[in-house]
């Protein structure tokens, strides 16, 4: 079983968490000003990185908070987790 470290609660089993998609996505300031193609791009187009990817997670069966994680998509290993709003950690020193 995968153990995920919630930055608020500590290490917990993966069944307590819900994946929330890609992290650090710039939300449009005025969604009503977007045309249909721009809105579609915002809603559906995401990077599909092979390697280290920043993701949002929610500790659904714990504190219920969202947080971010850097996960290597080739190994499914979570390299680090960090609070929402914090900058993405530097990859130096993190090994996949």
PDB file of N, CA and C in Angstrom:
ATOM      1  N   UNK A   1       0.837  -1.171   0.000  1.00  0.00           N
ATOM      2  CA  UNK A   1       0.000   0.000   0.000  1.00  0.00           C
ATOM      3  C   UNK A   1       0.890   1.246   0.000  1.00  0.00           C
ATOM      4  N   UNK A   2       0.465   2.231  -0.759  1.00  0.00           N
ATOM      5  CA  UNK A   2       1.176   3.506  -0.837  1.00  0.00           C
ATOM      6  C   UNK A   2       0.889   4.325   0.415  1.00  0.00           C
ATOM      7  N   UNK A   3       1.926   4.861   1.021  1.00  0.00           N
ATOM      8  CA  UNK A   3       1.785   5.746   2.169  1.00  0.00           C
ATOM      9  C   UNK A   3       2.025   7.171   1.680  1.00  0.00           C
ATOM     10  N   UNK A   4       1.070   8.059   1.947  1.00  0.00           N
ATOM     11  CA  UNK A   4       1.167   9.456   1.541  1.00  0.00           C
ATOM     12  C   UNK A   4       1.284  10.290   2.811  1.00  0.00           C
ATOM     13  N   UNK A   5       2.241  11.222   2.812  1.00  0.00           N
ATOM     14  CA  UNK A   5       2.423  12.089   3.965  1.00  0.00           C
ATOM     15  C   UNK A   5       1.624  13.364   3.782  1.00  0.00           C
ATOM     16  N   UNK A   6       0.560  13.491   4.545  1.00  0.00           N
ATOM     17  CA  UNK A   6      -0.217  14.727   4.551  1.00  0.00           C
ATOM     18  C   UNK A   6       0.608  15.770   5.302  1.00  0.00           C
ATOM     19  N   UNK A   7       0.804  16.970   4.723  1.00  0.00           N
ATOM     20  CA  UNK A   7       1.608  17.981   5.426  1.00  0.00           C
ATOM     21  C   UNK A   7       0.942  18.487   6.700  1.00  0.00           C
ATOM     22  N   UNK A   8      -0.306  18.140   6.928  1.00  0.00           N
ATOM     23  CA  UNK A   8      -1.025  18.575   8.119  1.00  0.00           C
ATOM     24  C   UNK A   8      -1.150  17.458   9.156  1.00  0.00           C
ATOM     25  N   UNK A   9      -1.301  16.202   8.690  1.00  0.00           N
ATOM     26  CA  UNK A   9      -1.591  15.080   9.597  1.00  0.00           C
ATOM     27  C   UNK A   9      -0.480  14.044   9.695  1.00  0.00           C
ATOM     28  N   UNK A  10       0.460  14.049   8.758  1.00  0.00           N
ATOM     29  CA  UNK A  10       1.521  13.051   8.758  1.00  0.00           C
ATOM     30  C   UNK A  10       1.200  11.885   7.823  1.00  0.00           C
ATOM     31  N   UNK A  11       1.995  10.818   7.893  1.00  0.00           N
ATOM     32  CA  UNK A  11       1.840   9.679   6.987  1.00  0.00           C
ATOM     33  C   UNK A  11       0.533   8.922   7.224  1.00  0.00           C
ATOM     34  N   UNK A  12      -0.139   8.616   6.112  1.00  0.00           N
ATOM     35  CA  UNK A  12      -1.405   7.889   6.162  1.00  0.00           C
ATOM     36  C   UNK A  12      -1.497   6.979   4.926  1.00  0.00           C
ATOM     37  N   UNK A  13      -2.327   5.926   4.978  1.00  0.00           N
ATOM     38  CA  UNK A  13      -2.482   5.043   3.814  1.00  0.00           C
ATOM     39  C   UNK A  13      -3.230   5.751   2.680  1.00  0.00           C
ATOM     40  N   UNK A  14      -2.923   5.350   1.472  1.00  0.00           N
ATOM     41  CA  UNK A  14      -3.477   5.998   0.279  1.00  0.00           C
ATOM     42  C   UNK A  14      -4.996   5.991   0.222  1.00  0.00           C
ATOM     43  N   UNK A  15      -5.645   5.047   0.862  1.00  0.00           N
ATOM     44  CA  UNK A  15      -7.108   4.984   0.797  1.00  0.00           C
ATOM     45  C   UNK A  15      -7.781   6.181   1.477  1.00  0.00           C
ATOM     46  N   UNK A  16      -7.035   6.952   2.259  1.00  0.00           N
ATOM     47  CA  UNK A  16      -7.588   8.138   2.910  1.00  0.00           C
ATOM     48  C   UNK A  16      -7.592   9.364   1.989  1.00  0.00           C
ATOM     49  N   UNK A  17      -6.990   9.254   0.800  1.00  0.00           N
ATOM     50  CA  UNK A  17      -6.765  10.417  -0.058  1.00  0.00           C
ATOM     51  C   UNK A  17      -7.538  10.330  -1.366  1.00  0.00           C
ATOM     52  N   UNK A  18      -7.732  11.495  -1.946  1.00  0.00           N
ATOM     53  CA  UNK A  18      -8.356  11.603  -3.258  1.00  0.00           C
ATOM     54  C   UNK A  18      -7.467  12.474  -4.141  1.00  0.00           C
ATOM     55  N   UNK A  19      -7.201  12.002  -5.350  1.00  0.00           N
ATOM     56  CA  UNK A  19      -6.378  12.749  -6.303  1.00  0.00           C
ATOM     57  C   UNK A  19      -7.181  13.910  -6.858  1.00  0.00           C
ATOM     58  N   UNK A  20      -6.562  15.085  -6.958  1.00  0.00           N
ATOM     59  CA  UNK A  20      -7.271  16.279  -7.413  1.00  0.00           C
ATOM     60  C   UNK A  20      -6.757  16.865  -8.706  1.00  0.00           C
ATOM     61  N   UNK A  21      -5.910  16.144  -9.430  1.00  0.00           N
ATOM     62  CA  UNK A  21      -5.429  16.648 -10.709  1.00  0.00           C
ATOM     63  C   UNK A  21      -4.128  17.421 -10.596  1.00  0.00           C
ATOM     64  N   UNK A  22      -3.805  18.121 -11.649  1.00  0.00           N
ATOM     65  CA  UNK A  22      -2.547  18.864 -11.746  1.00  0.00           C
ATOM     66  C   UNK A  22      -2.551  20.072 -10.812  1.00  0.00           C
ATOM     67  N   UNK A  23      -1.411  20.331 -10.185  1.00  0.00           N
ATOM     68  CA  UNK A  23      -1.272  21.479  -9.278  1.00  0.00           C
ATOM     69  C   UNK A  23      -0.728  22.689 -10.030  1.00  0.00           C
ATOM     70  N   UNK A  24      -0.832  23.833  -9.409  1.00  0.00           N
ATOM     71  CA  UNK A  24      -0.262  25.099  -9.902  1.00  0.00           C
ATOM     72  C   UNK A  24      -0.848  25.545 -11.242  1.00  0.00           C
ATOM     73  N   UNK A  25      -2.135  25.352 -11.424  1.00  0.00           N
ATOM     74  CA  UNK A  25      -2.801  25.804 -12.639  1.00  0.00           C
ATOM     75  C   UNK A  25      -3.320  27.215 -12.397  1.00  0.00           C
ATOM     76  N   UNK A  26      -2.973  28.131 -13.295  1.00  0.00           N
ATOM     77  CA  UNK A  26      -3.434  29.515 -13.163  1.00  0.00           C
ATOM     78  C   UNK A  26      -4.900  29.590 -13.551  1.00  0.00           C
ATOM     79  N   UNK A  27      -5.726  29.953 -12.604  1.00  0.00           N
ATOM     80  CA  UNK A  27      -7.156  30.080 -12.860  1.00  0.00           C
ATOM     81  C   UNK A  27      -7.436  31.409 -13.562  1.00  0.00           C
ATOM     82  N   UNK A  28      -8.349  31.453 -14.506  1.00  0.00           N
ATOM     83  CA  UNK A  28      -8.660  32.719 -15.180  1.00  0.00           C
ATOM     84  C   UNK A  28      -9.289  33.715 -14.200  1.00  0.00           C
ATOM     85  N   UNK A  29      -8.858  34.977 -14.279  1.00  0.00           N
ATOM     86  CA  UNK A  29      -9.401  36.007 -13.397  1.00  0.00           C
ATOM     87  C   UNK A  29     -10.845  36.337 -13.746  1.00  0.00           C
ATOM     88  N   UNK A  30     -11.158  36.289 -15.048  1.00  0.00           N
ATOM     89  CA  UNK A  30     -12.513  36.604 -15.499  1.00  0.00           C
ATOM     90  C   UNK A  30     -12.968  35.517 -16.479  1.00  0.00           C
ATOM     91  N   UNK A  31     -13.484  34.407 -15.984  1.00  0.00           N
ATOM     92  CA  UNK A  31     -13.876  33.312 -16.864  1.00  0.00           C
ATOM     93  C   UNK A  31     -14.899  33.716 -17.919  1.00  0.00           C
ATOM     94  N   UNK A  32     -15.761  34.672 -17.613  1.00  0.00           N
ATOM     95  CA  UNK A  32     -16.786  35.101 -18.562  1.00  0.00           C
ATOM     96  C   UNK A  32     -16.184  35.755 -19.805  1.00  0.00           C
ATOM     97  N   UNK A  33     -14.945  36.225 -19.703  1.00  0.00           N
ATOM     98  CA  UNK A  33     -14.290  36.883 -20.835  1.00  0.00           C
ATOM     99  C   UNK A  33     -13.652  35.881 -21.804  1.00  0.00           C
ATOM    100  N   UNK A  34     -13.607  34.607 -21.436  1.00  0.00           N
ATOM    101  CA  UNK A  34     -12.986  33.596 -22.294  1.00  0.00           C
ATOM    102  C   UNK A  34     -13.963  33.131 -23.362  1.00  0.00           C
ATOM    103  N   UNK A  35     -13.424  32.866 -24.552  1.00  0.00           N
ATOM    104  CA  UNK A  35     -14.271  32.270 -25.580  1.00  0.00           C
ATOM    105  C   UNK A  35     -14.349  30.757 -25.323  1.00  0.00           C
ATOM    106  N   UNK A  36     -15.141  30.061 -26.100  1.00  0.00           N
ATOM    107  CA  UNK A  36     -15.367  28.626 -25.869  1.00  0.00           C
ATOM    108  C   UNK A  36     -14.081  27.815 -25.962  1.00  0.00           C
ATOM    109  N   UNK A  37     -13.203  28.142 -26.915  1.00  0.00           N
ATOM    110  CA  UNK A  37     -11.950  27.397 -27.053  1.00  0.00           C
ATOM    111  C   UNK A  37     -11.033  27.624 -25.857  1.00  0.00           C
ATOM    112  N   UNK A  38     -10.937  28.854 -25.392  1.00  0.00           N
ATOM    113  CA  UNK A  38     -10.100  29.156 -24.233  1.00  0.00           C
ATOM    114  C   UNK A  38     -10.632  28.465 -22.975  1.00  0.00           C
ATOM    115  N   UNK A  39     -11.946  28.477 -22.807  1.00  0.00           N
ATOM    116  CA  UNK A  39     -12.546  27.829 -21.642  1.00  0.00           C
ATOM    117  C   UNK A  39     -12.327  26.315 -21.695  1.00  0.00           C
ATOM    118  N   UNK A  40     -12.469  25.735 -22.880  1.00  0.00           N
ATOM    119  CA  UNK A  40     -12.218  24.301 -23.055  1.00  0.00           C
ATOM    120  C   UNK A  40     -10.776  23.965 -22.725  1.00  0.00           C
ATOM    121  N   UNK A  41      -9.839  24.780 -23.212  1.00  0.00           N
ATOM    122  CA  UNK A  41      -8.419  24.555 -22.905  1.00  0.00           C
ATOM    123  C   UNK A  41      -8.167  24.592 -21.401  1.00  0.00           C
ATOM    124  N   UNK A  42      -8.750  25.578 -20.726  1.00  0.00           N
ATOM    125  CA  UNK A  42      -8.566  25.686 -19.278  1.00  0.00           C
ATOM    126  C   UNK A  42      -9.129  24.463 -18.552  1.00  0.00           C
ATOM    127  N   UNK A  43     -10.284  24.019 -18.933  1.00  0.00           N
ATOM    128  CA  UNK A  43     -10.933  22.910 -18.239  1.00  0.00           C
ATOM    129  C   UNK A  43     -10.280  21.556 -18.487  1.00  0.00           C
ATOM    130  N   UNK A  44      -9.808  21.327 -19.714  1.00  0.00           N
ATOM    131  CA  UNK A  44      -9.430  19.966 -20.087  1.00  0.00           C
ATOM    132  C   UNK A  44      -7.964  19.739 -20.438  1.00  0.00           C
ATOM    133  N   UNK A  45      -7.246  20.762 -20.878  1.00  0.00           N
ATOM    134  CA  UNK A  45      -5.865  20.530 -21.293  1.00  0.00           C
ATOM    135  C   UNK A  45      -4.922  20.593 -20.100  1.00  0.00           C
ATOM    136  N   UNK A  46      -4.211  19.510 -19.883  1.00  0.00           N
ATOM    137  CA  UNK A  46      -3.239  19.416 -18.800  1.00  0.00           C
ATOM    138  C   UNK A  46      -1.962  18.809 -19.345  1.00  0.00           C
ATOM    139  N   UNK A  47      -0.861  19.106 -18.669  1.00  0.00           N
ATOM    140  CA  UNK A  47       0.375  18.455 -19.069  1.00  0.00           C
ATOM    141  C   UNK A  47       0.278  16.997 -18.640  1.00  0.00           C
ATOM    142  N   UNK A  48       0.870  16.138 -19.385  1.00  0.00           N
ATOM    143  CA  UNK A  48       0.872  14.720 -19.072  1.00  0.00           C
ATOM    144  C   UNK A  48       2.326  14.294 -18.968  1.00  0.00           C
ATOM    145  N   UNK A  49       2.968  14.795 -17.934  1.00  0.00           N
ATOM    146  CA  UNK A  49       4.403  14.653 -17.768  1.00  0.00           C
ATOM    147  C   UNK A  49       4.820  13.214 -17.486  1.00  0.00           C
ATOM    148  N   UNK A  50       5.861  12.789 -18.183  1.00  0.00           N
ATOM    149  CA  UNK A  50       6.512  11.528 -17.836  1.00  0.00           C
ATOM    150  C   UNK A  50       7.677  11.910 -16.938  1.00  0.00           C
ATOM    151  N   UNK A  51       7.591  11.512 -15.691  1.00  0.00           N
ATOM    152  CA  UNK A  51       8.596  11.904 -14.711  1.00  0.00           C
ATOM    153  C   UNK A  51       7.922  12.646 -13.563  1.00  0.00           C
ATOM    154  N   UNK A  52       8.618  13.618 -13.001  1.00  0.00           N
ATOM    155  CA  UNK A  52       8.111  14.324 -11.824  1.00  0.00           C
ATOM    156  C   UNK A  52       7.006  15.296 -12.228  1.00  0.00           C
ATOM    157  N   UNK A  53       5.892  15.192 -11.523  1.00  0.00           N
ATOM    158  CA  UNK A  53       4.684  15.947 -11.843  1.00  0.00           C
ATOM    159  C   UNK A  53       4.100  16.509 -10.548  1.00  0.00           C
ATOM    160  N   UNK A  54       3.705  17.797 -10.560  1.00  0.00           N
ATOM    161  CA  UNK A  54       3.066  18.411  -9.387  1.00  0.00           C
ATOM    162  C   UNK A  54       1.566  18.143  -9.435  1.00  0.00           C
ATOM    163  N   UNK A  55       1.033  17.587  -8.355  1.00  0.00           N
ATOM    164  CA  UNK A  55      -0.376  17.201  -8.303  1.00  0.00           C
ATOM    165  C   UNK A  55      -1.036  17.743  -7.036  1.00  0.00           C
ATOM    166  N   UNK A  56      -2.349  17.894  -7.124  1.00  0.00           N
ATOM    167  CA  UNK A  56      -3.160  18.251  -5.945  1.00  0.00           C
ATOM    168  C   UNK A  56      -3.754  16.974  -5.370  1.00  0.00           C
ATOM    169  N   UNK A  57      -3.757  16.894  -4.063  1.00  0.00           N
ATOM    170  CA  UNK A  57      -4.369  15.776  -3.368  1.00  0.00           C
ATOM    171  C   UNK A  57      -5.241  16.323  -2.249  1.00  0.00           C
ATOM    172  N   UNK A  58      -6.210  15.546  -1.811  1.00  0.00           N
ATOM    173  CA  UNK A  58      -7.047  15.935  -0.687  1.00  0.00           C
ATOM    174  C   UNK A  58      -7.071  14.791   0.319  1.00  0.00           C
ATOM    175  N   UNK A  59      -6.834  15.129   1.568  1.00  0.00           N
ATOM    176  CA  UNK A  59      -6.894  14.133   2.641  1.00  0.00           C
ATOM    177  C   UNK A  59      -8.361  13.981   3.048  1.00  0.00           C
ATOM    178  N   UNK A  60      -9.074  13.274   2.233  1.00  0.00           N
ATOM    179  CA  UNK A  60     -10.523  13.164   2.326  1.00  0.00           C
ATOM    180  C   UNK A  60     -10.992  12.577   3.662  1.00  0.00           C
ATOM    181  N   UNK A  61     -10.339  11.545   4.129  1.00  0.00           N
ATOM    182  CA  UNK A  61     -10.761  10.864   5.367  1.00  0.00           C
ATOM    183  C   UNK A  61      -9.857  11.236   6.538  1.00  0.00           C
ATOM    184  N   UNK A  62      -9.411  12.475   6.538  1.00  0.00           N
ATOM    185  CA  UNK A  62      -8.579  12.987   7.627  1.00  0.00           C
ATOM    186  C   UNK A  62      -8.942  14.442   7.851  1.00  0.00           C
ATOM    187  N   UNK A  63      -8.002  15.334   7.614  1.00  0.00           N
ATOM    188  CA  UNK A  63      -8.228  16.760   7.844  1.00  0.00           C
ATOM    189  C   UNK A  63      -9.084  17.408   6.752  1.00  0.00           C
ATOM    190  N   UNK A  64      -9.294  16.719   5.646  1.00  0.00           N
ATOM    191  CA  UNK A  64     -10.094  17.186   4.502  1.00  0.00           C
ATOM    192  C   UNK A  64      -9.451  18.351   3.758  1.00  0.00           C
ATOM    193  N   UNK A  65      -8.188  18.623   4.004  1.00  0.00           N
ATOM    194  CA  UNK A  65      -7.499  19.727   3.334  1.00  0.00           C
ATOM    195  C   UNK A  65      -6.852  19.271   2.028  1.00  0.00           C
ATOM    196  N   UNK A  66      -6.731  20.227   1.116  1.00  0.00           N
ATOM    197  CA  UNK A  66      -5.963  20.006  -0.102  1.00  0.00           C
ATOM    198  C   UNK A  66      -4.496  20.280   0.176  1.00  0.00           C
ATOM    199  N   UNK A  67      -3.626  19.587  -0.546  1.00  0.00           N
ATOM    200  CA  UNK A  67      -2.191  19.849  -0.506  1.00  0.00           C
ATOM    201  C   UNK A  67      -1.608  19.433  -1.844  1.00  0.00           C
ATOM    202  N   UNK A  68      -0.346  19.746  -2.066  1.00  0.00           N
ATOM    203  CA  UNK A  68       0.325  19.402  -3.314  1.00  0.00           C
ATOM    204  C   UNK A  68       1.369  18.321  -3.056  1.00  0.00           C
ATOM    205  N   UNK A  69       1.649  17.567  -4.094  1.00  0.00           N
ATOM    206  CA  UNK A  69       2.669  16.522  -4.026  1.00  0.00           C
ATOM    207  C   UNK A  69       3.456  16.506  -5.326  1.00  0.00           C
ATOM    208  N   UNK A  70       4.731  16.187  -5.217  1.00  0.00           N
ATOM    209  CA  UNK A  70       5.540  15.916  -6.400  1.00  0.00           C
ATOM    210  C   UNK A  70       5.640  14.404  -6.511  1.00  0.00           C
ATOM    211  N   UNK A  71       5.104  13.872  -7.608  1.00  0.00           N
ATOM    212  CA  UNK A  71       5.069  12.419  -7.813  1.00  0.00           C
ATOM    213  C   UNK A  71       5.751  12.082  -9.120  1.00  0.00           C
ATOM    214  N   UNK A  72       6.571  11.039  -9.101  1.00  0.00           N
ATOM    215  CA  UNK A  72       7.203  10.549 -10.320  1.00  0.00           C
ATOM    216  C   UNK A  72       6.217   9.605 -10.993  1.00  0.00           C
ATOM    217  N   UNK A  73       5.738   9.986 -12.163  1.00  0.00           N
ATOM    218  CA  UNK A  73       4.718   9.186 -12.843  1.00  0.00           C
ATOM    219  C   UNK A  73       5.253   7.871 -13.395  1.00  0.00           C
ATOM    220  N   UNK A  74       6.566   7.743 -13.518  1.00  0.00           N
ATOM    221  CA  UNK A  74       7.120   6.488 -14.031  1.00  0.00           C
ATOM    222  C   UNK A  74       7.243   5.427 -12.942  1.00  0.00           C
ATOM    223  N   UNK A  75       7.359   5.842 -11.687  1.00  0.00           N
ATOM    224  CA  UNK A  75       7.505   4.889 -10.584  1.00  0.00           C
ATOM    225  C   UNK A  75       6.343   4.944  -9.594  1.00  0.00           C
ATOM    226  N   UNK A  76       5.491   5.957  -9.699  1.00  0.00           N
ATOM    227  CA  UNK A  76       4.370   6.213  -8.793  1.00  0.00           C
ATOM    228  C   UNK A  76       4.845   6.596  -7.393  1.00  0.00           C
ATOM    229  N   UNK A  77       6.111   6.953  -7.255  1.00  0.00           N
ATOM    230  CA  UNK A  77       6.662   7.335  -5.957  1.00  0.00           C
ATOM    231  C   UNK A  77       6.407   8.819  -5.698  1.00  0.00           C
ATOM    232  N   UNK A  78       5.870   9.127  -4.529  1.00  0.00           N
ATOM    233  CA  UNK A  78       5.688  10.517  -4.125  1.00  0.00           C
ATOM    234  C   UNK A  78       6.987  10.986  -3.489  1.00  0.00           C
ATOM    235  N   UNK A  79       7.597  12.008  -4.104  1.00  0.00           N
ATOM    236  CA  UNK A  79       8.896  12.491  -3.644  1.00  0.00           C
ATOM    237  C   UNK A  79       8.768  13.418  -2.447  1.00  0.00           C
ATOM    238  N   UNK A  80       7.752  14.259  -2.448  1.00  0.00           N
ATOM    239  CA  UNK A  80       7.516  15.169  -1.336  1.00  0.00           C
ATOM    240  C   UNK A  80       6.091  15.694  -1.409  1.00  0.00           C
ATOM    241  N   UNK A  81       5.595  16.160  -0.285  1.00  0.00           N
ATOM    242  CA  UNK A  81       4.302  16.830  -0.235  1.00  0.00           C
ATOM    243  C   UNK A  81       4.513  18.194   0.395  1.00  0.00           C
ATOM    244  N   UNK A  82       3.619  19.131   0.067  1.00  0.00           N
ATOM    245  CA  UNK A  82       3.737  20.484   0.609  1.00  0.00           C
ATOM    246  C   UNK A  82       2.372  21.145   0.597  1.00  0.00           C
ATOM    247  N   UNK A  83       2.218  22.142   1.434  1.00  0.00           N
ATOM    248  CA  UNK A  83       0.926  22.803   1.610  1.00  0.00           C
ATOM    249  C   UNK A  83       0.522  23.594   0.374  1.00  0.00           C
ATOM    250  N   UNK A  84      -0.774  23.641   0.119  1.00  0.00           N
ATOM    251  CA  UNK A  84      -1.311  24.447  -0.972  1.00  0.00           C
ATOM    252  C   UNK A  84      -0.946  25.902  -0.727  1.00  0.00           C
ATOM    253  N   UNK A  85      -0.506  26.583  -1.777  1.00  0.00           N
ATOM    254  CA  UNK A  85      -0.091  27.973  -1.663  1.00  0.00           C
ATOM    255  C   UNK A  85       1.410  28.126  -1.515  1.00  0.00           C
ATOM    256  N   UNK A  86       2.085  27.063  -1.097  1.00  0.00           N
ATOM    257  CA  UNK A  86       3.546  27.093  -0.993  1.00  0.00           C
ATOM    258  C   UNK A  86       4.139  26.906  -2.389  1.00  0.00           C
ATOM    259  N   UNK A  87       5.318  27.466  -2.642  1.00  0.00           N
ATOM    260  CA  UNK A  87       5.936  27.264  -3.955  1.00  0.00           C
ATOM    261  C   UNK A  87       6.356  25.813  -4.156  1.00  0.00           C
ATOM    262  N   UNK A  88       6.426  25.422  -5.415  1.00  0.00           N
ATOM    263  CA  UNK A  88       6.874  24.067  -5.737  1.00  0.00           C
ATOM    264  C   UNK A  88       8.313  23.891  -5.255  1.00  0.00           C
ATOM    265  N   UNK A  89       8.598  22.823  -4.513  1.00  0.00           N
ATOM    266  CA  UNK A  89       9.958  22.603  -4.016  1.00  0.00           C
ATOM    267  C   UNK A  89      10.946  22.344  -5.142  1.00  0.00           C
ATOM    268  N   UNK A  90      12.188  22.695  -4.895  1.00  0.00           N
ATOM    269  CA  UNK A  90      13.262  22.442  -5.843  1.00  0.00           C
ATOM    270  C   UNK A  90      13.501  20.932  -5.923  1.00  0.00           C
ATOM    271  N   UNK A  91      13.702  20.443  -7.119  1.00  0.00           N
ATOM    272  CA  UNK A  91      13.888  19.005  -7.315  1.00  0.00           C
ATOM    273  C   UNK A  91      15.277  18.516  -6.883  1.00  0.00           C
ATOM    274  N   UNK A  92      16.206  19.442  -6.717  1.00  0.00           N
ATOM    275  CA  UNK A  92      17.546  19.037  -6.329  1.00  0.00           C
ATOM    276  C   UNK A  92      17.505  18.385  -4.937  1.00  0.00           C
ATOM    277  N   UNK A  93      18.085  17.240  -4.830  1.00  0.00           N
ATOM    278  CA  UNK A  93      18.079  16.519  -3.562  1.00  0.00           C
ATOM    279  C   UNK A  93      16.933  15.525  -3.441  1.00  0.00           C
ATOM    280  N   UNK A  94      15.941  15.629  -4.314  1.00  0.00           N
ATOM    281  CA  UNK A  94      14.857  14.650  -4.327  1.00  0.00           C
ATOM    282  C   UNK A  94      15.181  13.596  -5.366  1.00  0.00           C
ATOM    283  N   UNK A  95      15.130  12.343  -4.975  1.00  0.00           N
ATOM    284  CA  UNK A  95      15.436  11.281  -5.927  1.00  0.00           C
ATOM    285  C   UNK A  95      14.171  10.509  -6.253  1.00  0.00           C
ATOM    286  N   UNK A  96      13.907  10.295  -7.540  1.00  0.00           N
ATOM    287  CA  UNK A  96      12.715   9.516  -7.909  1.00  0.00           C
ATOM    288  C   UNK A  96      12.846   8.049  -7.580  1.00  0.00           C
TER     289      UNK A  96
END
